[in-house]
Protein backbone atom coordinates (compact mmCIF):
# COMPACT_ATOMS: atom_id res chain seq x y z
CA UNK A 1 43.97 95.21 55.79
CA UNK A 2 46.78 96.58 57.92
CA UNK A 3 49.31 94.35 59.62
CA UNK A 4 48.02 95.47 63.03
CA UNK A 5 44.44 94.47 62.14
CA UNK A 6 45.66 91.13 60.82
CA UNK A 7 47.48 90.45 64.08
CA UNK A 8 44.43 91.49 66.12
CA UNK A 9 42.15 89.17 64.16
CA UNK A 10 44.64 86.30 64.46
CA UNK A 11 44.97 86.89 68.19
CA UNK A 12 41.20 87.05 68.67
CA UNK A 13 40.73 83.85 66.66
CA UNK A 14 43.36 82.08 68.77
CA UNK A 15 41.73 83.21 71.99
CA UNK A 16 38.31 82.08 70.78
CA UNK A 17 39.75 78.68 69.89
CA UNK A 18 41.41 78.45 73.28
CA UNK A 19 38.23 79.43 75.11
CA UNK A 20 36.38 76.68 73.25
CA UNK A 21 38.76 74.10 74.75
CA UNK A 22 38.30 72.64 78.18
CA UNK A 23 39.97 69.93 80.25
CA UNK A 24 37.83 67.39 82.08
CA UNK A 25 40.39 65.81 84.39
CA UNK A 26 39.72 62.68 86.43
CA UNK A 27 41.81 62.02 89.54
CA UNK A 28 41.97 58.54 91.07
CA UNK A 29 43.00 58.60 94.72
CA UNK A 30 42.21 57.27 98.17
CA UNK A 31 39.06 57.56 100.23
CA UNK A 32 38.14 61.24 100.60
CA UNK A 33 37.68 60.75 104.37
CA UNK A 34 41.25 59.43 104.67
CA UNK A 35 43.19 62.29 106.36
CA UNK A 36 46.12 62.14 103.94
CA UNK A 37 43.99 61.77 100.83
CA UNK A 38 41.72 64.61 101.88
CA UNK A 39 44.75 66.90 101.52
CA UNK A 40 45.62 65.44 98.12
CA UNK A 41 42.00 65.96 97.06
CA UNK A 42 42.08 69.57 98.24
CA UNK A 43 45.22 70.22 96.20
CA UNK A 44 43.62 68.67 93.11
CA UNK A 45 40.43 70.69 93.59
CA UNK A 46 42.32 73.94 94.15
CA UNK A 47 44.22 73.42 90.89
CA UNK A 48 40.89 72.47 89.35
CA UNK A 49 39.56 75.98 89.94
CA UNK A 50 41.64 77.10 86.97
CA UNK A 51 40.23 74.27 84.85
CA UNK A 52 36.71 75.17 85.93
CA UNK A 53 37.25 78.84 85.05
CA UNK A 54 38.20 77.65 81.56
CA UNK A 55 35.06 75.51 81.27
CA UNK A 56 36.64 72.25 82.41
CA UNK A 57 36.30 70.15 85.54
CA UNK A 58 38.07 67.92 88.04
CA UNK A 59 36.37 64.71 89.14
CA UNK A 60 37.68 62.72 92.12
CA UNK A 61 37.30 58.93 92.08
CA UNK A 62 38.16 56.98 95.23
CA UNK A 63 37.44 53.46 96.50
CA UNK A 64 34.93 52.77 99.26
CA UNK A 65 37.62 50.91 101.22
CA UNK A 66 41.09 49.47 100.77
CA UNK A 67 40.21 45.78 100.99
CA UNK A 68 40.69 45.14 97.25
CA UNK A 69 42.88 48.11 96.44
CA UNK A 70 44.52 47.23 93.11
CA UNK A 71 41.51 45.85 91.22
CA UNK A 72 39.19 48.54 92.62
CA UNK A 73 41.57 51.32 91.56
CA UNK A 74 41.95 49.76 88.11
CA UNK A 75 38.17 49.80 87.73
CA UNK A 76 38.10 53.50 88.66
CA UNK A 77 40.68 54.23 85.97
CA UNK A 78 38.52 52.43 83.40
CA UNK A 79 35.48 54.40 84.62
CA UNK A 80 37.39 57.62 83.94
CA UNK A 81 38.08 56.48 80.37
CA UNK A 82 34.44 55.51 79.85
CA UNK A 83 33.26 58.87 81.20
CA UNK A 84 35.23 60.77 78.58
CA UNK A 85 38.21 62.01 80.56
CA UNK A 86 40.47 64.45 78.73
CA UNK A 87 43.29 63.62 81.16
CA UNK A 88 43.79 61.22 84.06
CA UNK A 89 45.84 61.29 87.26
CA UNK A 90 46.40 58.06 89.17
CA UNK A 91 48.70 56.30 91.64
CA UNK A 92 50.38 53.05 90.59
CA UNK A 93 49.62 51.32 93.90
CA UNK A 94 49.49 47.71 92.69
CA UNK A 95 51.18 47.46 89.27
CA UNK A 96 50.13 43.90 88.50
CA UNK A 97 46.47 44.86 88.94
CA UNK A 98 46.59 48.42 87.58
CA UNK A 99 49.09 48.53 84.72
CA UNK A 100 46.64 47.23 82.12
CA UNK A 101 44.17 50.00 83.01
CA UNK A 102 46.86 52.66 82.70
CA UNK A 103 47.95 51.16 79.38
CA UNK A 104 44.35 51.54 78.20
CA UNK A 105 44.50 55.25 79.13
CA UNK A 106 47.58 55.81 76.98
CA UNK A 107 46.23 53.63 74.15
CA UNK A 108 43.14 55.86 74.06
CA UNK A 109 45.36 58.92 73.60
CA UNK A 110 44.48 60.34 77.03
CA UNK A 111 47.31 62.25 78.74
CA UNK A 112 48.35 60.57 81.99
CA UNK A 113 50.24 61.64 85.11
CA UNK A 114 51.26 59.04 87.69
CA UNK A 115 51.38 60.45 91.21
CA UNK A 116 51.86 59.38 94.83
CA UNK A 117 53.06 55.83 94.08
CA UNK A 118 55.14 54.14 91.42
CA UNK A 119 57.84 56.73 90.81
CA UNK A 120 59.40 57.74 87.53
CA UNK A 121 59.87 54.05 86.73
CA UNK A 122 56.10 53.61 86.51
CA UNK A 123 55.73 56.80 84.48
CA UNK A 124 58.36 55.57 82.01
CA UNK A 125 56.91 52.08 81.80
CA UNK A 126 53.35 53.29 81.25
CA UNK A 127 54.03 56.24 78.97
CA UNK A 128 52.91 58.93 81.43
CA UNK A 129 53.91 62.56 81.06
CA UNK A 130 55.27 62.94 84.59
CA UNK A 131 55.52 61.42 88.04
CA UNK A 132 54.54 63.71 90.92
CA UNK A 133 55.20 62.64 94.49
CA UNK A 134 57.80 61.30 96.83
CA UNK A 135 59.98 58.29 96.19
CA UNK A 136 58.41 55.76 98.52
CA UNK A 137 61.59 53.83 99.22
CA UNK A 138 63.46 57.02 100.08
CA UNK A 139 60.62 58.09 102.39
CA UNK A 140 60.87 54.87 104.36
CA UNK A 141 64.66 55.06 104.30
CA UNK A 142 64.56 58.56 105.81
CA UNK A 143 62.55 57.22 108.76
CA UNK A 144 64.87 54.26 109.33
CA UNK A 145 67.98 56.40 109.03
CA UNK A 146 66.59 59.01 111.44
CA UNK A 147 65.72 56.49 114.15
CA UNK A 148 68.96 54.52 113.74
CA UNK A 149 71.07 57.67 114.05
CA UNK A 150 69.13 58.47 117.23
CA UNK A 151 70.23 55.11 118.62
CA UNK A 152 67.07 53.07 118.03
CA UNK A 153 68.45 50.25 115.91
CA UNK A 154 65.93 47.40 116.21
CA UNK A 155 62.78 48.37 114.36
CA UNK A 156 59.56 47.10 112.79
CA UNK A 157 57.49 48.62 109.98
CA UNK A 158 53.73 48.28 110.54
CA UNK A 159 52.27 47.32 107.14
CA UNK A 160 48.49 47.54 107.07
CA UNK A 161 48.21 47.45 103.27
CA UNK A 162 50.19 44.37 102.21
CA UNK A 163 50.62 44.07 98.46
CA UNK A 164 50.44 47.82 97.78
CA UNK A 165 53.70 48.70 96.02
CA UNK A 166 54.18 52.04 97.76
CA UNK A 167 53.62 50.55 101.21
CA UNK A 168 56.00 47.67 100.53
CA UNK A 169 58.55 50.28 99.40
CA UNK A 170 58.07 52.27 102.63
CA UNK A 171 58.86 49.19 104.70
CA UNK A 172 61.76 48.10 102.51
CA UNK A 173 63.28 51.57 102.70
CA UNK A 174 62.76 51.74 106.46
CA UNK A 175 64.53 48.43 107.02
CA UNK A 176 67.41 49.44 104.76
CA UNK A 177 67.67 52.80 106.52
CA UNK A 178 68.12 50.92 109.78
CA UNK A 179 70.46 48.30 108.33
CA UNK A 180 72.78 50.77 106.64
CA UNK A 181 73.13 52.67 109.90
CA UNK A 182 73.93 49.72 112.13
CA UNK A 183 70.42 48.47 112.89
CA UNK A 184 68.02 45.64 112.09
CA UNK A 185 64.54 45.95 110.60
CA UNK A 186 61.52 43.71 110.20
CA UNK A 187 57.87 44.00 109.09
CA UNK A 188 54.74 43.57 111.18
CA UNK A 189 52.30 42.65 108.42
CA UNK A 190 48.58 42.99 109.10
CA UNK A 191 45.55 42.31 106.88
CA UNK A 192 44.34 45.22 104.74
CA UNK A 193 41.18 45.37 106.85
CA UNK A 194 43.36 46.74 109.66
CA UNK A 195 44.14 49.93 107.74
CA UNK A 196 42.28 52.76 109.44
CA UNK A 197 41.16 50.45 112.27
CA UNK A 198 42.95 52.01 115.20
CA UNK A 199 41.90 49.32 117.65
CA UNK A 200 43.16 46.48 115.46
CA UNK A 201 46.49 48.20 114.80
CA UNK A 202 47.04 49.10 118.45
CA UNK A 203 46.30 45.56 119.59
CA UNK A 204 48.64 44.08 116.99
CA UNK A 205 51.44 46.49 117.94
CA UNK A 206 50.96 45.71 121.64
CA UNK A 207 51.16 41.95 121.04
CA UNK A 208 54.16 42.28 118.75
CA UNK A 209 56.13 44.37 121.23
CA UNK A 210 55.39 41.98 124.08
CA UNK A 211 56.60 39.09 121.89
CA UNK A 212 59.65 41.03 120.66
CA UNK A 213 60.94 43.06 123.62
CA UNK A 214 64.15 44.11 121.82
CA UNK A 215 62.28 46.36 119.36
CA UNK A 216 62.87 50.05 120.10
CA UNK A 217 61.70 51.66 116.86
CA UNK A 218 58.53 51.44 114.78
CA UNK A 219 57.49 52.93 111.45
CA UNK A 220 53.85 53.59 110.52
CA UNK A 221 52.65 54.04 106.93
CA UNK A 222 50.17 56.86 107.62
CA UNK A 223 49.00 59.35 110.22
CA UNK A 224 46.11 57.21 111.48
CA UNK A 225 48.43 54.25 111.91
CA UNK A 226 50.99 56.44 113.70
CA UNK A 227 48.46 57.31 116.39
CA UNK A 228 47.36 53.68 116.64
CA UNK A 229 50.98 52.53 116.92
CA UNK A 230 51.60 55.00 119.75
CA UNK A 231 48.48 53.65 121.48
CA UNK A 232 49.80 50.09 121.11
CA UNK A 233 53.13 51.12 122.57
CA UNK A 234 51.36 52.65 125.55
CA UNK A 235 49.27 49.50 126.03
CA UNK A 236 52.45 47.42 126.01
CA UNK A 237 53.97 49.61 128.72
CA UNK A 238 56.74 50.70 126.32
CA UNK A 239 56.22 54.48 126.25
CA UNK A 240 59.62 56.15 126.21
CA UNK A 241 61.48 53.02 125.16
CA UNK A 242 59.91 52.45 121.72
CA UNK A 243 60.15 55.39 119.33
CA UNK A 244 57.86 56.04 116.38
CA UNK A 245 58.31 57.63 113.00
CA UNK A 246 55.48 57.63 110.47
CA UNK A 247 54.39 58.78 107.05
CA UNK A 248 52.40 62.02 106.75
CA UNK A 249 51.06 64.28 109.47
CA UNK A 250 47.98 66.00 110.81
CA UNK A 251 47.29 68.14 113.88
CA UNK A 252 47.48 65.17 116.25
CA UNK A 253 50.82 64.03 114.75
CA UNK A 254 52.29 67.50 115.20
CA UNK A 255 51.02 67.48 118.79
CA UNK A 256 52.66 64.07 119.30
CA UNK A 257 56.01 65.38 118.06
CA UNK A 258 55.76 68.52 120.17
CA UNK A 259 54.88 66.41 123.24
CA UNK A 260 57.69 63.93 122.53
CA UNK A 261 55.48 60.85 122.04
CA UNK A 262 56.49 60.62 118.36
CA UNK A 263 60.05 61.06 117.14
CA UNK A 264 59.37 62.18 113.59
CA UNK A 265 57.01 62.26 110.64
CA UNK A 266 57.96 61.90 106.99
CA UNK A 267 56.22 64.53 104.90
CA UNK A 268 55.44 63.79 101.24
CA UNK A 269 53.29 66.94 100.85
CA UNK A 270 50.07 65.41 99.61
CA UNK A 271 48.50 68.78 98.77
CA UNK A 272 51.32 69.44 96.32
CA UNK A 273 50.84 66.05 94.69
CA UNK A 274 47.23 66.78 93.81
CA UNK A 275 47.88 70.39 92.88
CA UNK A 276 50.87 69.82 90.60
CA UNK A 277 49.41 66.76 88.86
CA UNK A 278 46.17 68.51 87.92
CA UNK A 279 47.97 71.73 86.94
CA UNK A 280 50.35 69.87 84.63
CA UNK A 281 47.53 68.06 82.86
CA UNK A 282 45.25 71.08 82.58
CA UNK A 283 48.00 73.15 80.97
CA UNK A 284 48.95 70.25 78.71
CA UNK A 285 45.39 69.77 77.44
CA UNK A 286 44.73 73.50 77.08
CA UNK A 287 48.04 74.72 75.70
CA UNK A 288 50.19 71.71 74.85
CA UNK A 289 52.79 72.54 77.50
CA UNK A 290 55.08 69.92 79.02
CA UNK A 291 57.35 69.82 82.07
CA UNK A 292 60.83 68.58 81.04
CA UNK A 293 61.63 67.62 84.64
CA UNK A 294 59.48 64.52 84.52
CA UNK A 295 60.09 63.40 88.12
CA UNK A 296 58.65 66.12 90.32
CA UNK A 297 59.49 65.25 93.92
CA UNK A 298 57.35 66.44 96.83
CA UNK A 299 59.33 64.61 99.53
CA UNK A 300 60.64 63.15 101.71
CA UNK A 301 61.03 65.77 104.39
CA UNK A 302 61.55 65.02 108.08
CA UNK A 303 59.42 66.79 110.70
CA UNK A 304 60.77 66.49 114.24
CA UNK A 305 61.19 68.57 117.37
CA UNK A 306 63.64 70.88 115.59
CA UNK A 307 61.14 72.21 113.06
CA UNK A 308 57.68 71.24 114.31
CA UNK A 309 56.84 74.80 115.39
CA UNK A 310 57.57 76.09 111.88
CA UNK A 311 55.35 73.38 110.37
CA UNK A 312 52.55 74.24 112.82
CA UNK A 313 52.83 77.88 111.73
CA UNK A 314 52.54 76.72 108.12
CA UNK A 315 49.38 74.77 108.96
CA UNK A 316 47.87 77.78 110.69
CA UNK A 317 48.63 79.87 107.60
CA UNK A 318 46.90 77.31 105.41
CA UNK A 319 50.09 76.40 103.53
CA UNK A 320 50.64 72.88 104.92
């Protein structure tokens, strides 16, 4: 047998072995009707098209609501193990409730990527391949720093998911961003049932501003809460004197910034989080590849009046 034939047979055998492999990847995330998480889900599913072409799949698992976030998410992680996942992606929202489930993933020999919440610290602690996402503290800090440098130095972070590690980090970062730039920060803490309830958030913001008339800056943890916070400011008669920055964006947030009713939005690029996490795991399962840069940051980026038109163009092009 010639050397060329030997190489051809070896190559064909390798390709046949590769084609017999497939990655069934399970992604734990937020509610699919949550505006931010719908973008994360789209990114995961777009990356999943490669897995599907190779005979694999991507399955999204999300809670029905956020009332019992940590335990519910831990149960979804265990469901993914039980359903035979070849790889798992998940956010470390509430470590005390979720770490044991992630430890079970690694103990079962299932490759894991932590994304969206927890940072490289969680990835290191849990034995994950990578962390994909923003650093939550730095995201909050960027909002506090931005507003303080604009002269709005007394601020409150609206926390509608108390106990969630990433949300607590947003608020901590926001307050430090204010404090380290000459301001003062506090937290308006609401029950988890308020998350996504625009009326409840707006009413709470209105009452808080009327009770604390010195507040001139507010930070919201998501795009729905940003709109609700703006509504609460309007109801309190504080439009123009209380300035808002918030996590994430959608069409209405971009319209707010363009109209001047919202100072800025902090972009953590949710689409990228889903896309990169699934891509990393699919390639790892299929080909054994790894990404040496274990902390893959997708934010924070600040969207304000100076670049909102460029972001809108990106949305229209389907890239944001």
